[in-house]
């Protein structure tokens, strides 16, 4: 997984190194859902807002530390299995 600062969104983005199909349904069951669209869900986890795309890309807002963004991404990927 690649985690990097997203320059236009003021957040971190996590991108899987290989193609995955993120199970948005499982994510919606485990996290507070703010928005639910066919290709993405917007969730709240602790104080973070995270956009989860079907292709596995995550946008993690309100996070200032790369290592924390990596931990959040790993947790979401694990919970989506």
C-alpha atoms as a PDB file:
ATOM      1  CA  UNK A   1       0.000   0.000   0.000  1.00  0.00           C
ATOM      2  CA  UNK A   2       1.152   3.511  -0.774  1.00  0.00           C
ATOM      3  CA  UNK A   3       0.240   6.241   1.723  1.00  0.00           C
ATOM      4  CA  UNK A   4       0.962   9.818   0.752  1.00  0.00           C
ATOM      5  CA  UNK A   5      -0.182  13.341   1.444  1.00  0.00           C
ATOM      6  CA  UNK A   6      -3.013  14.297  -0.871  1.00  0.00           C
ATOM      7  CA  UNK A   7      -2.135  17.833  -1.958  1.00  0.00           C
ATOM      8  CA  UNK A   8      -5.542  18.954  -3.209  1.00  0.00           C
ATOM      9  CA  UNK A   9      -7.646  17.524  -0.389  1.00  0.00           C
ATOM     10  CA  UNK A  10      -5.549  18.322   2.692  1.00  0.00           C
ATOM     11  CA  UNK A  11      -5.586  14.665   3.698  1.00  0.00           C
ATOM     12  CA  UNK A  12      -3.717  11.404   3.243  1.00  0.00           C
ATOM     13  CA  UNK A  13      -4.579   8.917   0.548  1.00  0.00           C
ATOM     14  CA  UNK A  14      -3.945   5.194   0.768  1.00  0.00           C
ATOM     15  CA  UNK A  15      -3.737   3.255  -2.476  1.00  0.00           C
ATOM     16  CA  UNK A  16      -3.395  -0.545  -2.620  1.00  0.00           C
ATOM     17  CA  UNK A  17      -0.396  -1.777  -4.611  1.00  0.00           C
ATOM     18  CA  UNK A  18      -2.570  -4.361  -6.379  1.00  0.00           C
ATOM     19  CA  UNK A  19      -6.148  -4.187  -7.597  1.00  0.00           C
ATOM     20  CA  UNK A  20      -8.690  -5.008  -4.925  1.00  0.00           C
ATOM     21  CA  UNK A  21     -12.445  -4.843  -4.651  1.00  0.00           C
ATOM     22  CA  UNK A  22     -13.180  -3.234  -1.286  1.00  0.00           C
ATOM     23  CA  UNK A  23     -16.293  -4.650   0.368  1.00  0.00           C
ATOM     24  CA  UNK A  24     -18.154  -1.426   1.110  1.00  0.00           C
ATOM     25  CA  UNK A  25     -21.045  -3.326   2.691  1.00  0.00           C
ATOM     26  CA  UNK A  26     -18.802  -4.723   5.447  1.00  0.00           C
ATOM     27  CA  UNK A  27     -17.330  -1.280   6.046  1.00  0.00           C
ATOM     28  CA  UNK A  28     -20.815   0.218   6.441  1.00  0.00           C
ATOM     29  CA  UNK A  29     -21.645  -2.419   9.071  1.00  0.00           C
ATOM     30  CA  UNK A  30     -18.570  -1.655  11.189  1.00  0.00           C
ATOM     31  CA  UNK A  31     -18.338   2.136  11.016  1.00  0.00           C
ATOM     32  CA  UNK A  32     -20.600   5.162  11.309  1.00  0.00           C
ATOM     33  CA  UNK A  33     -21.661   5.936   7.741  1.00  0.00           C
ATOM     34  CA  UNK A  34     -21.951   9.579   6.696  1.00  0.00           C
ATOM     35  CA  UNK A  35     -22.657   9.004   2.988  1.00  0.00           C
ATOM     36  CA  UNK A  36     -23.384   5.884   0.962  1.00  0.00           C
ATOM     37  CA  UNK A  37     -23.009   5.927  -2.827  1.00  0.00           C
ATOM     38  CA  UNK A  38     -22.615   3.032  -5.289  1.00  0.00           C
ATOM     39  CA  UNK A  39     -18.848   3.553  -5.743  1.00  0.00           C
ATOM     40  CA  UNK A  40     -17.888   4.879  -2.305  1.00  0.00           C
ATOM     41  CA  UNK A  41     -18.847   5.280   1.323  1.00  0.00           C
ATOM     42  CA  UNK A  42     -17.875   8.128   3.612  1.00  0.00           C
ATOM     43  CA  UNK A  43     -17.353   6.918   7.169  1.00  0.00           C
ATOM     44  CA  UNK A  44     -16.371   8.338  10.525  1.00  0.00           C
ATOM     45  CA  UNK A  45     -13.723   6.556  12.584  1.00  0.00           C
ATOM     46  CA  UNK A  46     -12.719   8.258  15.840  1.00  0.00           C
ATOM     47  CA  UNK A  47     -12.203  11.878  14.741  1.00  0.00           C
ATOM     48  CA  UNK A  48     -11.313  10.975  11.159  1.00  0.00           C
ATOM     49  CA  UNK A  49     -13.491  11.156   8.060  1.00  0.00           C
ATOM     50  CA  UNK A  50     -12.565   8.515   5.528  1.00  0.00           C
ATOM     51  CA  UNK A  51     -13.767   8.125   1.974  1.00  0.00           C
ATOM     52  CA  UNK A  52     -13.577   4.471   0.936  1.00  0.00           C
ATOM     53  CA  UNK A  53     -13.721   3.705  -2.772  1.00  0.00           C
ATOM     54  CA  UNK A  54     -14.668   0.338  -4.244  1.00  0.00           C
ATOM     55  CA  UNK A  55     -11.239   0.089  -5.914  1.00  0.00           C
ATOM     56  CA  UNK A  56      -9.547   0.246  -2.485  1.00  0.00           C
ATOM     57  CA  UNK A  57      -8.442   3.872  -2.488  1.00  0.00           C
ATOM     58  CA  UNK A  58      -8.949   5.653   0.844  1.00  0.00           C
ATOM     59  CA  UNK A  59      -8.925   9.390   1.560  1.00  0.00           C
ATOM     60  CA  UNK A  60      -8.234   9.960   5.264  1.00  0.00           C
ATOM     61  CA  UNK A  61      -9.145  13.457   6.441  1.00  0.00           C
ATOM     62  CA  UNK A  62      -8.222  15.185   9.717  1.00  0.00           C
ATOM     63  CA  UNK A  63      -5.083  13.058  10.053  1.00  0.00           C
ATOM     64  CA  UNK A  64      -1.711  14.811  10.319  1.00  0.00           C
ATOM     65  CA  UNK A  65       0.637  11.844  10.791  1.00  0.00           C
ATOM     66  CA  UNK A  66       1.488   9.431   7.974  1.00  0.00           C
ATOM     67  CA  UNK A  67       2.016   6.474  10.319  1.00  0.00           C
ATOM     68  CA  UNK A  68      -1.442   7.009  11.813  1.00  0.00           C
ATOM     69  CA  UNK A  69      -2.953   7.101   8.310  1.00  0.00           C
ATOM     70  CA  UNK A  70      -1.215   3.782   7.563  1.00  0.00           C
ATOM     71  CA  UNK A  71      -2.684   2.200  10.722  1.00  0.00           C
ATOM     72  CA  UNK A  72      -6.171   3.444   9.846  1.00  0.00           C
ATOM     73  CA  UNK A  73      -5.894   2.141   6.283  1.00  0.00           C
ATOM     74  CA  UNK A  74      -4.696  -1.277   7.466  1.00  0.00           C
ATOM     75  CA  UNK A  75      -7.592  -1.497   9.924  1.00  0.00           C
ATOM     76  CA  UNK A  76     -10.164  -0.642   7.262  1.00  0.00           C
ATOM     77  CA  UNK A  77      -8.674  -3.112   4.779  1.00  0.00           C
ATOM     78  CA  UNK A  78      -8.732  -5.818   7.470  1.00  0.00           C
ATOM     79  CA  UNK A  79     -12.325  -5.019   8.483  1.00  0.00           C
ATOM     80  CA  UNK A  80     -13.450  -5.160   4.841  1.00  0.00           C
ATOM     81  CA  UNK A  81     -12.325  -8.791   4.445  1.00  0.00           C
END
